[in-house]
Amino acid sequence: MGNKGMFLVMLLVIGGAAPAGATEQEACTAASGTLLVGKVVSGPTFKAAKDVLQGVKLSHTHIRIQQGGGKNLDVAIDNVFAKDYVKNSNAVPASLKAIKVGDTLEVCGQTFAGGIHWVHTNCGEPSSPGKPNGWVKVVNPDGSVGDNIESSETYCYLWK
């Protein structure tokens, strides 16, 4: 693990975030992403689609997490990658709606000023810093990490 990866792991531990095992950090780095862990302080909220591809509205769900030191970050989640996304729905998918204030999330994706996005599967394509093979996982109270809830590949054909 390079200095950047070690710094992130140390920041998460020092910041009091739920433990993310080194294997999670390594997996995110290998997927060309940045790993963030934080407590949910707001959300989920539905954001209507700005774009439509082949008749599919690309809506988002937004959640705010707080990292150690009190920094709040926006997590922008593409609804089409949720396992229970309903085509062109105007609501947060049930799997994302189940995330509650106080839950701890582990997200791997591409950071931007004020948050992180691209926290979903990369549809089997090679990952890159601009297109990581990301995820959203709930960290359980015992520290174990749940499955990626942004792994559906149903709509991958939209980008092929």
N, C-alpha and C. Protein backbone atom coordinates (compact mmCIF):
# COMPACT_ATOMS: atom_id res chain seq x y z
N MET A 1 0.85 -1.17 0.00
CA MET A 1 0.00 0.00 0.00
C MET A 1 0.89 1.22 0.00
N GLY A 2 0.62 2.16 -0.88
CA GLY A 2 1.41 3.38 -0.96
C GLY A 2 1.09 4.34 0.17
N ASN A 3 1.84 5.44 0.19
CA ASN A 3 1.64 6.44 1.24
C ASN A 3 0.22 6.99 1.25
N LYS A 4 -0.37 7.22 0.07
CA LYS A 4 -1.73 7.76 0.00
C LYS A 4 -2.72 6.78 0.62
N GLY A 5 -2.61 5.49 0.29
CA GLY A 5 -3.49 4.47 0.84
C GLY A 5 -3.34 4.35 2.34
N MET A 6 -2.10 4.36 2.81
CA MET A 6 -1.86 4.27 4.25
C MET A 6 -2.44 5.49 4.95
N PHE A 7 -2.29 6.67 4.35
CA PHE A 7 -2.84 7.89 4.93
C PHE A 7 -4.35 7.77 5.07
N LEU A 8 -5.03 7.26 4.03
CA LEU A 8 -6.49 7.12 4.09
C LEU A 8 -6.91 6.17 5.19
N VAL A 9 -6.23 5.03 5.31
CA VAL A 9 -6.56 4.08 6.37
C VAL A 9 -6.34 4.72 7.73
N MET A 10 -5.22 5.43 7.90
CA MET A 10 -4.94 6.09 9.17
C MET A 10 -5.99 7.16 9.46
N LEU A 11 -6.39 7.92 8.45
CA LEU A 11 -7.39 8.95 8.62
C LEU A 11 -8.71 8.35 9.07
N LEU A 12 -9.09 7.22 8.49
CA LEU A 12 -10.33 6.57 8.87
C LEU A 12 -10.28 6.08 10.30
N VAL A 13 -9.16 5.50 10.71
CA VAL A 13 -9.03 4.99 12.07
C VAL A 13 -8.98 6.14 13.06
N ILE A 14 -8.17 7.15 12.79
CA ILE A 14 -8.06 8.29 13.68
C ILE A 14 -9.39 9.03 13.77
N GLY A 15 -10.07 9.13 12.65
CA GLY A 15 -11.33 9.86 12.60
C GLY A 15 -12.49 9.14 13.25
N GLY A 16 -12.29 7.94 13.73
CA GLY A 16 -13.33 7.22 14.43
C GLY A 16 -14.33 6.55 13.51
N ALA A 17 -14.02 6.44 12.25
CA ALA A 17 -14.93 5.78 11.32
C ALA A 17 -14.92 4.29 11.59
N ALA A 18 -15.95 3.63 11.12
CA ALA A 18 -16.02 2.19 11.27
C ALA A 18 -14.82 1.55 10.59
N PRO A 19 -14.36 0.45 11.14
CA PRO A 19 -13.16 -0.15 10.58
C PRO A 19 -13.38 -0.68 9.17
N ALA A 20 -12.58 -0.22 8.27
CA ALA A 20 -12.58 -0.76 6.92
C ALA A 20 -11.28 -1.55 6.80
N GLY A 21 -11.40 -2.85 6.59
CA GLY A 21 -10.21 -3.68 6.54
C GLY A 21 -9.28 -3.27 5.42
N ALA A 22 -8.03 -3.58 5.61
CA ALA A 22 -7.03 -3.26 4.59
C ALA A 22 -7.43 -3.86 3.25
N THR A 23 -8.11 -5.00 3.27
CA THR A 23 -8.51 -5.62 2.01
C THR A 23 -9.53 -4.74 1.27
N GLU A 24 -10.39 -4.05 1.98
CA GLU A 24 -11.34 -3.14 1.34
C GLU A 24 -10.59 -1.97 0.72
N GLN A 25 -9.62 -1.43 1.44
CA GLN A 25 -8.81 -0.33 0.92
C GLN A 25 -8.04 -0.78 -0.31
N GLU A 26 -7.44 -1.95 -0.23
CA GLU A 26 -6.67 -2.47 -1.36
C GLU A 26 -7.57 -2.72 -2.57
N ALA A 27 -8.77 -3.25 -2.31
CA ALA A 27 -9.70 -3.52 -3.41
C ALA A 27 -10.13 -2.23 -4.09
N CYS A 28 -10.40 -1.20 -3.30
CA CYS A 28 -10.81 0.09 -3.87
C CYS A 28 -9.66 0.71 -4.67
N THR A 29 -8.47 0.67 -4.13
CA THR A 29 -7.31 1.20 -4.84
C THR A 29 -7.11 0.45 -6.16
N ALA A 30 -7.23 -0.88 -6.11
CA ALA A 30 -7.09 -1.69 -7.32
C ALA A 30 -8.18 -1.37 -8.34
N ALA A 31 -9.33 -0.90 -7.86
CA ALA A 31 -10.44 -0.55 -8.74
C ALA A 31 -10.37 0.91 -9.19
N SER A 32 -9.22 1.55 -8.95
CA SER A 32 -8.96 2.94 -9.34
C SER A 32 -9.82 3.95 -8.60
N GLY A 33 -10.29 3.58 -7.41
CA GLY A 33 -11.16 4.48 -6.65
C GLY A 33 -10.51 5.01 -5.39
N THR A 34 -11.26 5.83 -4.70
CA THR A 34 -10.90 6.34 -3.38
C THR A 34 -11.92 5.80 -2.40
N LEU A 35 -11.46 5.25 -1.29
CA LEU A 35 -12.34 4.68 -0.28
C LEU A 35 -12.64 5.72 0.79
N LEU A 36 -13.93 5.93 1.06
CA LEU A 36 -14.38 6.81 2.13
C LEU A 36 -15.33 6.05 3.03
N VAL A 37 -15.23 6.27 4.32
CA VAL A 37 -16.12 5.66 5.29
C VAL A 37 -16.65 6.77 6.17
N GLY A 38 -17.95 6.77 6.41
CA GLY A 38 -18.52 7.79 7.27
C GLY A 38 -19.92 7.45 7.73
N LYS A 39 -20.36 8.18 8.73
CA LYS A 39 -21.72 8.04 9.27
C LYS A 39 -22.69 8.85 8.42
N VAL A 40 -23.84 8.27 8.16
CA VAL A 40 -24.87 8.95 7.39
C VAL A 40 -25.47 10.04 8.29
N VAL A 41 -25.44 11.28 7.79
CA VAL A 41 -26.02 12.41 8.54
C VAL A 41 -27.23 13.01 7.84
N SER A 42 -27.45 12.64 6.58
CA SER A 42 -28.59 13.15 5.84
C SER A 42 -28.86 12.26 4.64
N GLY A 43 -30.13 12.02 4.41
CA GLY A 43 -30.51 11.31 3.20
C GLY A 43 -31.24 10.05 3.50
N PRO A 44 -31.57 9.29 2.52
CA PRO A 44 -31.36 9.51 1.08
C PRO A 44 -32.43 10.43 0.49
N THR A 45 -32.02 11.19 -0.52
CA THR A 45 -32.96 12.06 -1.23
C THR A 45 -32.87 11.80 -2.73
N PHE A 46 -34.00 11.92 -3.38
CA PHE A 46 -34.09 11.66 -4.82
C PHE A 46 -33.73 12.92 -5.60
N LYS A 47 -32.96 12.75 -6.65
CA LYS A 47 -32.61 13.85 -7.57
C LYS A 47 -33.03 13.40 -8.97
N ALA A 48 -33.96 14.15 -9.55
CA ALA A 48 -34.48 13.81 -10.88
C ALA A 48 -33.37 13.80 -11.92
N ALA A 49 -33.59 13.03 -12.96
CA ALA A 49 -32.62 12.88 -14.03
C ALA A 49 -32.44 14.15 -14.82
N LYS A 50 -31.17 14.48 -15.10
CA LYS A 50 -30.85 15.55 -16.04
C LYS A 50 -30.67 14.94 -17.43
N ASP A 51 -30.21 13.69 -17.44
CA ASP A 51 -29.91 13.01 -18.70
C ASP A 51 -30.80 11.79 -18.88
N VAL A 52 -31.06 11.49 -20.15
CA VAL A 52 -31.80 10.29 -20.54
C VAL A 52 -30.99 9.59 -21.61
N LEU A 53 -30.74 8.30 -21.43
CA LEU A 53 -30.04 7.49 -22.44
C LEU A 53 -30.97 6.40 -22.91
N GLN A 54 -31.19 6.33 -24.19
CA GLN A 54 -32.02 5.29 -24.80
C GLN A 54 -33.34 5.12 -24.04
N GLY A 55 -33.93 6.24 -23.63
CA GLY A 55 -35.22 6.21 -22.95
C GLY A 55 -35.15 5.90 -21.46
N VAL A 56 -33.96 5.80 -20.90
CA VAL A 56 -33.81 5.51 -19.46
C VAL A 56 -33.33 6.78 -18.76
N LYS A 57 -34.13 7.24 -17.79
CA LYS A 57 -33.78 8.42 -17.01
C LYS A 57 -32.67 8.07 -16.02
N LEU A 58 -31.62 8.89 -16.01
CA LEU A 58 -30.46 8.64 -15.15
C LEU A 58 -30.57 9.47 -13.88
N SER A 59 -31.48 9.06 -13.01
CA SER A 59 -31.69 9.76 -11.74
C SER A 59 -30.63 9.35 -10.72
N HIS A 60 -30.58 10.11 -9.63
CA HIS A 60 -29.59 9.85 -8.58
C HIS A 60 -30.25 9.88 -7.20
N THR A 61 -29.57 9.29 -6.26
CA THR A 61 -29.90 9.41 -4.85
C THR A 61 -28.71 10.09 -4.19
N HIS A 62 -28.99 11.04 -3.31
CA HIS A 62 -27.92 11.72 -2.59
C HIS A 62 -28.02 11.42 -1.10
N ILE A 63 -26.88 11.14 -0.52
CA ILE A 63 -26.75 10.88 0.92
C ILE A 63 -25.55 11.69 1.38
N ARG A 64 -25.62 12.23 2.58
CA ARG A 64 -24.47 12.94 3.15
C ARG A 64 -23.89 12.08 4.27
N ILE A 65 -22.57 11.93 4.21
CA ILE A 65 -21.87 11.21 5.27
C ILE A 65 -20.91 12.17 5.97
N GLN A 66 -20.63 11.84 7.21
CA GLN A 66 -19.67 12.64 7.99
C GLN A 66 -18.47 11.77 8.30
N GLN A 67 -17.31 12.30 7.93
CA GLN A 67 -16.06 11.61 8.22
C GLN A 67 -15.50 12.15 9.53
N GLY A 68 -14.45 11.50 10.01
CA GLY A 68 -13.77 11.99 11.20
C GLY A 68 -13.39 13.45 11.02
N GLY A 69 -13.44 14.21 12.10
CA GLY A 69 -13.14 15.63 12.02
C GLY A 69 -14.36 16.46 11.66
N GLY A 70 -15.51 15.81 11.46
CA GLY A 70 -16.75 16.53 11.21
C GLY A 70 -16.99 16.97 9.78
N LYS A 71 -16.19 16.51 8.84
CA LYS A 71 -16.36 16.91 7.44
C LYS A 71 -17.52 16.13 6.81
N ASN A 72 -18.52 16.87 6.31
CA ASN A 72 -19.66 16.26 5.63
C ASN A 72 -19.41 16.20 4.14
N LEU A 73 -19.73 15.06 3.54
CA LEU A 73 -19.51 14.85 2.11
C LEU A 73 -20.78 14.32 1.45
N ASP A 74 -21.02 14.76 0.23
CA ASP A 74 -22.15 14.30 -0.57
C ASP A 74 -21.76 13.00 -1.26
N VAL A 75 -22.63 12.00 -1.18
CA VAL A 75 -22.44 10.76 -1.93
C VAL A 75 -23.53 10.75 -3.00
N ALA A 76 -23.12 10.88 -4.26
CA ALA A 76 -24.05 10.90 -5.39
C ALA A 76 -24.10 9.48 -5.97
N ILE A 77 -25.27 8.87 -5.88
CA ILE A 77 -25.43 7.46 -6.23
C ILE A 77 -26.34 7.34 -7.46
N ASP A 78 -25.85 6.67 -8.50
CA ASP A 78 -26.64 6.45 -9.72
C ASP A 78 -27.67 5.35 -9.45
N ASN A 79 -28.95 5.71 -9.56
CA ASN A 79 -30.02 4.76 -9.25
C ASN A 79 -30.05 3.54 -10.16
N VAL A 80 -29.64 3.68 -11.44
CA VAL A 80 -29.74 2.55 -12.37
C VAL A 80 -28.87 1.36 -11.97
N PHE A 81 -27.92 1.56 -11.07
CA PHE A 81 -27.06 0.45 -10.64
C PHE A 81 -27.56 -0.23 -9.37
N ALA A 82 -28.65 0.27 -8.79
CA ALA A 82 -29.25 -0.39 -7.63
C ALA A 82 -29.97 -1.65 -8.11
N LYS A 83 -29.86 -2.72 -7.34
CA LYS A 83 -30.44 -4.01 -7.76
C LYS A 83 -31.95 -3.95 -7.95
N ASP A 84 -32.60 -3.00 -7.30
CA ASP A 84 -34.05 -2.91 -7.36
C ASP A 84 -34.53 -1.63 -8.04
N TYR A 85 -33.69 -1.06 -8.90
CA TYR A 85 -34.09 0.14 -9.65
C TYR A 85 -35.28 -0.19 -10.54
N VAL A 86 -36.27 0.69 -10.53
CA VAL A 86 -37.43 0.57 -11.40
C VAL A 86 -37.27 1.61 -12.50
N LYS A 87 -37.25 1.15 -13.74
CA LYS A 87 -37.00 2.04 -14.88
C LYS A 87 -37.86 3.29 -14.82
N ASN A 88 -37.17 4.44 -14.88
CA ASN A 88 -37.77 5.77 -14.93
C ASN A 88 -38.60 6.14 -13.70
N SER A 89 -38.37 5.45 -12.61
CA SER A 89 -39.06 5.78 -11.36
C SER A 89 -38.64 7.16 -10.87
N ASN A 90 -39.52 7.80 -10.16
CA ASN A 90 -39.23 9.10 -9.55
C ASN A 90 -39.09 8.96 -8.03
N ALA A 91 -38.52 7.84 -7.62
CA ALA A 91 -38.35 7.58 -6.19
C ALA A 91 -37.00 6.92 -5.95
N VAL A 92 -36.52 7.03 -4.73
CA VAL A 92 -35.28 6.36 -4.32
C VAL A 92 -35.54 4.85 -4.33
N PRO A 93 -34.66 4.05 -4.96
CA PRO A 93 -34.83 2.59 -4.91
C PRO A 93 -34.85 2.09 -3.46
N ALA A 94 -35.63 1.06 -3.20
CA ALA A 94 -35.81 0.55 -1.84
C ALA A 94 -34.49 0.21 -1.15
N SER A 95 -33.55 -0.37 -1.89
CA SER A 95 -32.26 -0.74 -1.28
C SER A 95 -31.50 0.47 -0.78
N LEU A 96 -31.63 1.60 -1.46
CA LEU A 96 -30.98 2.84 -1.03
C LEU A 96 -31.80 3.55 0.04
N LYS A 97 -33.12 3.44 -0.07
CA LYS A 97 -34.00 4.06 0.93
C LYS A 97 -33.82 3.41 2.30
N ALA A 98 -33.35 2.18 2.32
CA ALA A 98 -33.12 1.47 3.58
C ALA A 98 -31.95 2.05 4.38
N ILE A 99 -31.12 2.86 3.75
CA ILE A 99 -29.99 3.50 4.45
C ILE A 99 -30.55 4.61 5.32
N LYS A 100 -30.21 4.57 6.59
CA LYS A 100 -30.76 5.52 7.57
C LYS A 100 -29.68 6.39 8.19
N VAL A 101 -30.09 7.56 8.68
CA VAL A 101 -29.20 8.43 9.43
C VAL A 101 -28.63 7.61 10.59
N GLY A 102 -27.33 7.68 10.78
CA GLY A 102 -26.65 6.92 11.82
C GLY A 102 -25.95 5.67 11.30
N ASP A 103 -26.38 5.17 10.13
CA ASP A 103 -25.69 4.04 9.52
C ASP A 103 -24.28 4.47 9.12
N THR A 104 -23.39 3.50 9.03
CA THR A 104 -22.05 3.77 8.52
C THR A 104 -21.97 3.21 7.11
N LEU A 105 -21.49 4.03 6.17
CA LEU A 105 -21.33 3.60 4.78
C LEU A 105 -19.86 3.56 4.42
N GLU A 106 -19.54 2.61 3.58
CA GLU A 106 -18.23 2.52 2.94
C GLU A 106 -18.50 2.72 1.46
N VAL A 107 -17.88 3.74 0.89
CA VAL A 107 -18.07 4.02 -0.53
C VAL A 107 -16.72 4.08 -1.22
N CYS A 108 -16.68 3.52 -2.41
CA CYS A 108 -15.49 3.55 -3.24
C CYS A 108 -15.91 4.18 -4.55
N GLY A 109 -15.18 5.21 -4.96
CA GLY A 109 -15.53 5.88 -6.21
C GLY A 109 -14.57 6.99 -6.53
N GLN A 110 -15.06 7.97 -7.25
CA GLN A 110 -14.26 9.11 -7.69
C GLN A 110 -14.67 10.32 -6.86
N THR A 111 -13.70 10.93 -6.21
CA THR A 111 -14.01 12.10 -5.40
C THR A 111 -14.12 13.36 -6.26
N PHE A 112 -14.86 14.32 -5.76
CA PHE A 112 -14.97 15.65 -6.35
C PHE A 112 -15.05 16.62 -5.19
N ALA A 113 -14.92 17.90 -5.46
CA ALA A 113 -14.97 18.89 -4.39
C ALA A 113 -16.29 18.75 -3.64
N GLY A 114 -16.23 18.34 -2.40
CA GLY A 114 -17.43 18.22 -1.58
C GLY A 114 -18.07 16.85 -1.55
N GLY A 115 -17.47 15.86 -2.24
CA GLY A 115 -18.10 14.55 -2.19
C GLY A 115 -17.46 13.49 -3.04
N ILE A 116 -18.28 12.48 -3.37
CA ILE A 116 -17.83 11.32 -4.14
C ILE A 116 -18.98 10.83 -5.02
N HIS A 117 -18.63 10.38 -6.22
CA HIS A 117 -19.60 9.78 -7.13
C HIS A 117 -18.91 8.60 -7.82
N TRP A 118 -19.57 8.06 -8.84
CA TRP A 118 -19.09 6.88 -9.56
C TRP A 118 -18.89 5.73 -8.56
N VAL A 119 -19.86 5.61 -7.65
CA VAL A 119 -19.81 4.60 -6.58
C VAL A 119 -20.65 3.38 -7.00
N HIS A 120 -20.36 2.88 -8.20
CA HIS A 120 -21.12 1.77 -8.75
C HIS A 120 -20.21 0.90 -9.61
N THR A 121 -20.75 -0.23 -10.02
CA THR A 121 -20.01 -1.13 -10.90
C THR A 121 -19.59 -0.41 -12.17
N ASN A 122 -18.51 -0.88 -12.74
CA ASN A 122 -18.03 -0.32 -14.00
C ASN A 122 -18.39 -1.25 -15.16
N CYS A 123 -19.37 -2.10 -14.94
CA CYS A 123 -19.92 -2.97 -15.99
C CYS A 123 -18.87 -3.86 -16.65
N GLY A 124 -17.87 -4.26 -15.88
CA GLY A 124 -16.84 -5.16 -16.40
C GLY A 124 -15.78 -4.49 -17.25
N GLU A 125 -15.88 -3.19 -17.43
CA GLU A 125 -14.88 -2.46 -18.20
C GLU A 125 -13.64 -2.22 -17.34
N PRO A 126 -12.47 -2.03 -17.94
CA PRO A 126 -11.28 -1.71 -17.16
C PRO A 126 -11.50 -0.41 -16.39
N SER A 127 -11.09 -0.42 -15.13
CA SER A 127 -11.25 0.79 -14.33
C SER A 127 -10.11 1.77 -14.59
N SER A 128 -10.39 3.03 -14.28
CA SER A 128 -9.39 4.09 -14.40
C SER A 128 -9.75 5.14 -13.34
N PRO A 129 -8.84 6.06 -13.04
CA PRO A 129 -9.17 7.07 -12.04
C PRO A 129 -10.44 7.86 -12.38
N GLY A 130 -10.74 8.04 -13.65
CA GLY A 130 -11.96 8.74 -14.05
C GLY A 130 -13.19 7.86 -14.09
N LYS A 131 -12.98 6.55 -14.06
CA LYS A 131 -14.09 5.59 -14.11
C LYS A 131 -13.76 4.38 -13.24
N PRO A 132 -13.77 4.58 -11.91
CA PRO A 132 -13.44 3.45 -11.03
C PRO A 132 -14.54 2.40 -11.02
N ASN A 133 -14.22 1.23 -10.56
CA ASN A 133 -15.20 0.15 -10.37
C ASN A 133 -15.63 0.23 -8.91
N GLY A 134 -16.55 1.14 -8.63
CA GLY A 134 -16.87 1.50 -7.26
C GLY A 134 -17.99 0.70 -6.61
N TRP A 135 -18.35 1.15 -5.39
CA TRP A 135 -19.40 0.49 -4.62
C TRP A 135 -19.94 1.37 -3.52
N VAL A 136 -21.10 0.91 -3.00
CA VAL A 136 -21.71 1.44 -1.79
C VAL A 136 -22.01 0.22 -0.92
N LYS A 137 -21.46 0.20 0.28
CA LYS A 137 -21.68 -0.91 1.21
C LYS A 137 -22.03 -0.35 2.59
N VAL A 138 -22.95 -1.00 3.26
CA VAL A 138 -23.28 -0.64 4.64
C VAL A 138 -22.34 -1.40 5.55
N VAL A 139 -21.75 -0.70 6.52
CA VAL A 139 -20.90 -1.33 7.53
C VAL A 139 -21.81 -1.69 8.70
N ASN A 140 -21.87 -2.97 9.03
CA ASN A 140 -22.73 -3.47 10.09
C ASN A 140 -22.18 -3.07 11.46
N PRO A 141 -23.04 -3.07 12.49
CA PRO A 141 -22.59 -2.69 13.84
C PRO A 141 -21.40 -3.51 14.34
N ASP A 142 -21.27 -4.76 13.88
CA ASP A 142 -20.14 -5.59 14.32
C ASP A 142 -18.87 -5.33 13.52
N GLY A 143 -18.92 -4.37 12.58
CA GLY A 143 -17.75 -4.02 11.77
C GLY A 143 -17.66 -4.76 10.45
N SER A 144 -18.49 -5.78 10.27
CA SER A 144 -18.48 -6.49 8.98
C SER A 144 -19.09 -5.58 7.92
N VAL A 145 -18.73 -5.83 6.67
CA VAL A 145 -19.16 -4.98 5.57
C VAL A 145 -20.14 -5.77 4.70
N GLY A 146 -21.28 -5.14 4.40
CA GLY A 146 -22.30 -5.78 3.58
C GLY A 146 -21.91 -5.82 2.11
N ASP A 147 -22.82 -6.34 1.31
CA ASP A 147 -22.61 -6.46 -0.14
C ASP A 147 -22.75 -5.09 -0.81
N ASN A 148 -22.19 -4.98 -1.99
CA ASN A 148 -22.32 -3.78 -2.81
C ASN A 148 -23.77 -3.64 -3.26
N ILE A 149 -24.41 -2.54 -2.89
CA ILE A 149 -25.79 -2.34 -3.30
C ILE A 149 -25.89 -1.54 -4.61
N GLU A 150 -24.76 -1.30 -5.23
CA GLU A 150 -24.70 -0.61 -6.52
C GLU A 150 -24.01 -1.48 -7.56
N SER A 151 -24.39 -2.76 -7.62
CA SER A 151 -23.69 -3.70 -8.50
C SER A 151 -24.53 -4.23 -9.65
N SER A 152 -25.75 -3.74 -9.81
CA SER A 152 -26.59 -4.23 -10.90
C SER A 152 -25.99 -3.84 -12.25
N GLU A 153 -25.98 -4.79 -13.16
CA GLU A 153 -25.48 -4.53 -14.50
C GLU A 153 -26.59 -4.55 -15.55
N THR A 154 -27.85 -4.49 -15.08
CA THR A 154 -29.01 -4.53 -15.97
C THR A 154 -28.94 -3.47 -17.07
N TYR A 155 -28.50 -2.28 -16.72
CA TYR A 155 -28.50 -1.17 -17.67
C TYR A 155 -27.13 -0.84 -18.22
N CYS A 156 -26.17 -1.74 -18.09
CA CYS A 156 -24.84 -1.50 -18.62
C CYS A 156 -24.84 -1.28 -20.13
N TYR A 157 -25.81 -1.87 -20.81
CA TYR A 157 -25.89 -1.71 -22.27
C TYR A 157 -25.98 -0.25 -22.69
N LEU A 158 -26.42 0.63 -21.79
CA LEU A 158 -26.57 2.05 -22.14
C LEU A 158 -25.23 2.70 -22.47
N TRP A 159 -24.15 2.16 -21.96
CA TRP A 159 -22.84 2.78 -22.16
C TRP A 159 -21.94 1.97 -23.10
N LYS A 160 -22.46 0.96 -23.73
CA LYS A 160 -21.66 0.12 -24.64
C LYS A 160 -21.78 0.61 -26.07
